[in-house]
Amino acid sequence: QVQLVESGGGLVQAGGSLRLSCAASGGTFSYFDMGWFRQAPGKEREFVAAIRWSGGSTHYGDSVQGRFTISRDNAKNMLYLQMNSLKPEDTAVYYCAADRLHRYGSRAYEYDFWGQGTQVTVSS
């Protein structure tokens, strides 16, 4: 079992940047592959990015490729999402998630533990 707590969300203008953090506790963070997802009102949860347990491999959703960067610090039990060139359509609640089976997937059902989410709002 692992507990995840996101932070760093807020209101930003289009073209700006934000850095989200996810603090993990209660488990061996370095064991898990990790992911970021987002969900806008009335929409399904959308894959944003994933990173291997070692940090050695990452992949991204098409809508954020080239603008967002996922990273992790296993020594600090922290996951990050650097978001640049933000657009109004990036507005959503952002969730971090942990995958204990190393599926390294892009579907929500492939992740076992979830944080409570942090709101990101991008104004035009």
C-alpha atoms as a PDB file:
ATOM      1  CA  GLN A   1       0.000   0.000   0.000  1.00  0.00           C
ATOM      2  CA  VAL A   2       1.213   3.504  -0.808  1.00  0.00           C
ATOM      3  CA  GLN A   3      -0.289   6.911  -0.116  1.00  0.00           C
ATOM      4  CA  LEU A   4       0.055   9.658  -2.707  1.00  0.00           C
ATOM      5  CA  VAL A   5      -0.442  13.395  -2.183  1.00  0.00           C
ATOM      6  CA  GLU A   6      -0.309  15.852  -5.072  1.00  0.00           C
ATOM      7  CA  SER A   7       0.546  19.537  -4.785  1.00  0.00           C
ATOM      8  CA  GLY A   8       1.533  22.472  -6.943  1.00  0.00           C
ATOM      9  CA  GLY A   9      -1.682  23.112  -8.803  1.00  0.00           C
ATOM     10  CA  GLY A  10      -3.124  26.561  -9.271  1.00  0.00           C
ATOM     11  CA  LEU A  11      -4.206  29.240 -11.688  1.00  0.00           C
ATOM     12  CA  VAL A  12      -1.854  30.224 -14.516  1.00  0.00           C
ATOM     13  CA  GLN A  13      -2.168  32.165 -17.741  1.00  0.00           C
ATOM     14  CA  ALA A  14      -1.903  30.482 -21.099  1.00  0.00           C
ATOM     15  CA  GLY A  15       1.729  30.063 -22.082  1.00  0.00           C
ATOM     16  CA  GLY A  16       2.841  29.813 -18.480  1.00  0.00           C
ATOM     17  CA  SER A  17       4.345  26.959 -16.498  1.00  0.00           C
ATOM     18  CA  LEU A  18       3.588  24.938 -13.403  1.00  0.00           C
ATOM     19  CA  ARG A  19       5.372  22.133 -11.614  1.00  0.00           C
ATOM     20  CA  LEU A  20       3.274  19.493  -9.921  1.00  0.00           C
ATOM     21  CA  SER A  21       4.649  17.298  -7.169  1.00  0.00           C
ATOM     22  CA  CYS A  22       3.450  13.996  -5.776  1.00  0.00           C
ATOM     23  CA  ALA A  23       4.708  12.820  -2.386  1.00  0.00           C
ATOM     24  CA  ALA A  24       4.610   9.093  -1.740  1.00  0.00           C
ATOM     25  CA  SER A  25       4.576   7.334   1.628  1.00  0.00           C
ATOM     26  CA  GLY A  26       3.748   3.958   3.119  1.00  0.00           C
ATOM     27  CA  GLY A  27       5.413   1.846   0.468  1.00  0.00           C
ATOM     28  CA  THR A  28       8.604   1.323  -1.471  1.00  0.00           C
ATOM     29  CA  PHE A  29       8.266   4.182  -3.918  1.00  0.00           C
ATOM     30  CA  SER A  30      11.260   3.115  -5.997  1.00  0.00           C
ATOM     31  CA  TYR A  31       9.499  -0.173  -6.775  1.00  0.00           C
ATOM     32  CA  PHE A  32       6.532   1.401  -8.565  1.00  0.00           C
ATOM     33  CA  ASP A  33       6.147   2.637 -12.084  1.00  0.00           C
ATOM     34  CA  MET A  34       4.334   5.964 -11.812  1.00  0.00           C
ATOM     35  CA  GLY A  35       1.945   7.991 -13.902  1.00  0.00           C
ATOM     36  CA  TRP A  36       0.113  11.278 -14.164  1.00  0.00           C
ATOM     37  CA  PHE A  37      -3.489  11.507 -15.353  1.00  0.00           C
ATOM     38  CA  ARG A  38      -5.934  14.365 -15.604  1.00  0.00           C
ATOM     39  CA  GLN A  39      -9.677  14.749 -15.673  1.00  0.00           C
ATOM     40  CA  ALA A  40     -11.652  17.751 -16.860  1.00  0.00           C
ATOM     41  CA  PRO A  41     -15.317  18.269 -15.940  1.00  0.00           C
ATOM     42  CA  GLY A  42     -17.578  15.980 -17.947  1.00  0.00           C
ATOM     43  CA  LYS A  43     -14.657  14.125 -19.517  1.00  0.00           C
ATOM     44  CA  GLU A  44     -12.975  10.789 -18.964  1.00  0.00           C
ATOM     45  CA  ARG A  45      -9.705  10.508 -17.106  1.00  0.00           C
ATOM     46  CA  GLU A  46      -6.888  11.112 -19.583  1.00  0.00           C
ATOM     47  CA  PHE A  47      -3.346   9.755 -19.585  1.00  0.00           C
ATOM     48  CA  VAL A  48      -0.660  12.420 -19.310  1.00  0.00           C
ATOM     49  CA  ALA A  49       2.671  10.706 -18.682  1.00  0.00           C
ATOM     50  CA  ALA A  50       4.342   7.648 -17.177  1.00  0.00           C
ATOM     51  CA  ILE A  51       7.804   6.854 -15.871  1.00  0.00           C
ATOM     52  CA  ARG A  52       9.526   3.598 -15.096  1.00  0.00           C
ATOM     53  CA  TRP A  53      10.510   2.733 -11.518  1.00  0.00           C
ATOM     54  CA  SER A  54      14.130   3.564 -12.335  1.00  0.00           C
ATOM     55  CA  GLY A  55      13.322   6.808 -14.119  1.00  0.00           C
ATOM     56  CA  GLY A  56      15.068   5.416 -17.154  1.00  0.00           C
ATOM     57  CA  SER A  57      12.087   5.519 -19.490  1.00  0.00           C
ATOM     58  CA  THR A  58       9.130   7.834 -19.965  1.00  0.00           C
ATOM     59  CA  HIS A  59       6.189   8.196 -22.319  1.00  0.00           C
ATOM     60  CA  TYR A  60       3.536  10.850 -22.830  1.00  0.00           C
ATOM     61  CA  GLY A  61       0.051  11.421 -24.085  1.00  0.00           C
ATOM     62  CA  ASP A  62      -0.149  12.995 -27.523  1.00  0.00           C
ATOM     63  CA  SER A  63      -1.712  16.205 -26.229  1.00  0.00           C
ATOM     64  CA  VAL A  64       1.207  16.993 -23.892  1.00  0.00           C
ATOM     65  CA  GLN A  65       4.161  15.559 -25.799  1.00  0.00           C
ATOM     66  CA  GLY A  66       6.931  18.131 -26.041  1.00  0.00           C
ATOM     67  CA  ARG A  67       5.397  20.440 -23.406  1.00  0.00           C
ATOM     68  CA  PHE A  68       5.308  18.323 -20.232  1.00  0.00           C
ATOM     69  CA  THR A  69       8.127  16.412 -18.523  1.00  0.00           C
ATOM     70  CA  ILE A  70       7.690  13.680 -15.933  1.00  0.00           C
ATOM     71  CA  SER A  71      10.503  12.934 -13.494  1.00  0.00           C
ATOM     72  CA  ARG A  72      11.089  11.298 -10.152  1.00  0.00           C
ATOM     73  CA  ASP A  73      13.472  11.383  -7.205  1.00  0.00           C
ATOM     74  CA  ASN A  74      13.457   7.961  -5.567  1.00  0.00           C
ATOM     75  CA  ALA A  75      15.654   9.150  -2.710  1.00  0.00           C
ATOM     76  CA  LYS A  76      12.963  11.677  -1.767  1.00  0.00           C
ATOM     77  CA  ASN A  77       9.935   9.537  -2.675  1.00  0.00           C
ATOM     78  CA  MET A  78       8.780  12.253  -5.046  1.00  0.00           C
ATOM     79  CA  LEU A  79       7.206  12.346  -8.499  1.00  0.00           C
ATOM     80  CA  TYR A  80       7.082  15.531 -10.574  1.00  0.00           C
ATOM     81  CA  LEU A  81       5.351  16.907 -13.638  1.00  0.00           C
ATOM     82  CA  GLN A  82       6.855  19.998 -15.228  1.00  0.00           C
ATOM     83  CA  MET A  83       4.225  21.643 -17.418  1.00  0.00           C
ATOM     84  CA  ASN A  84       5.286  24.309 -19.914  1.00  0.00           C
ATOM     85  CA  SER A  85       3.444  26.237 -22.627  1.00  0.00           C
ATOM     86  CA  LEU A  86       0.170  25.614 -20.849  1.00  0.00           C
ATOM     87  CA  LYS A  87      -3.075  25.921 -22.761  1.00  0.00           C
ATOM     88  CA  PRO A  88      -6.657  26.446 -21.550  1.00  0.00           C
ATOM     89  CA  GLU A  89      -7.422  22.865 -22.604  1.00  0.00           C
ATOM     90  CA  ASP A  90      -4.901  21.659 -20.001  1.00  0.00           C
ATOM     91  CA  THR A  91      -7.352  22.752 -17.307  1.00  0.00           C
ATOM     92  CA  ALA A  92      -8.219  19.699 -15.214  1.00  0.00           C
ATOM     93  CA  VAL A  93      -7.681  17.933 -11.932  1.00  0.00           C
ATOM     94  CA  TYR A  94      -4.304  16.194 -12.120  1.00  0.00           C
ATOM     95  CA  TYR A  95      -3.725  12.875 -10.383  1.00  0.00           C
ATOM     96  CA  CYS A  96      -0.601  10.879  -9.714  1.00  0.00           C
ATOM     97  CA  ALA A  97      -0.857   7.111  -9.660  1.00  0.00           C
ATOM     98  CA  ALA A  98       1.304   4.108  -8.792  1.00  0.00           C
ATOM     99  CA  ASP A  99       1.538   0.824 -10.693  1.00  0.00           C
ATOM    100  CA  ARG A 100       2.817  -2.101  -8.624  1.00  0.00           C
ATOM    101  CA  LEU A 101       2.875  -4.552 -11.547  1.00  0.00           C
ATOM    102  CA  HIS A 102       5.212  -2.603 -13.845  1.00  0.00           C
ATOM    103  CA  ARG A 103       2.694  -2.357 -16.672  1.00  0.00           C
ATOM    104  CA  TYR A 104       3.964   1.139 -17.552  1.00  0.00           C
ATOM    105  CA  GLY A 105       0.600   1.746 -19.109  1.00  0.00           C
ATOM    106  CA  SER A 106      -1.559   4.599 -20.321  1.00  0.00           C
ATOM    107  CA  ARG A 107      -4.883   3.349 -18.979  1.00  0.00           C
ATOM    108  CA  ALA A 108      -6.239   4.220 -15.575  1.00  0.00           C
ATOM    109  CA  TYR A 109      -7.088   0.596 -14.711  1.00  0.00           C
ATOM    110  CA  GLU A 110      -3.389  -0.268 -14.958  1.00  0.00           C
ATOM    111  CA  TYR A 111      -2.658   1.785 -11.829  1.00  0.00           C
ATOM    112  CA  ASP A 112      -3.321   0.532  -8.342  1.00  0.00           C
ATOM    113  CA  PHE A 113      -2.994   3.570  -6.076  1.00  0.00           C
ATOM    114  CA  TRP A 114      -4.160   7.144  -6.625  1.00  0.00           C
ATOM    115  CA  GLY A 115      -3.785  10.519  -5.020  1.00  0.00           C
ATOM    116  CA  GLN A 116      -6.656  12.904  -4.341  1.00  0.00           C
ATOM    117  CA  GLY A 117      -5.749  15.247  -7.191  1.00  0.00           C
ATOM    118  CA  THR A 118      -4.708  18.873  -7.582  1.00  0.00           C
ATOM    119  CA  GLN A 119      -6.566  21.458  -9.659  1.00  0.00           C
ATOM    120  CA  VAL A 120      -4.817  23.163 -12.566  1.00  0.00           C
ATOM    121  CA  THR A 121      -6.624  26.049 -14.244  1.00  0.00           C
ATOM    122  CA  VAL A 122      -5.208  27.764 -17.318  1.00  0.00           C
ATOM    123  CA  SER A 123      -6.797  31.065 -18.274  1.00  0.00           C
ATOM    124  CA  SER A 124      -6.823  32.399 -21.819  1.00  0.00           C
END
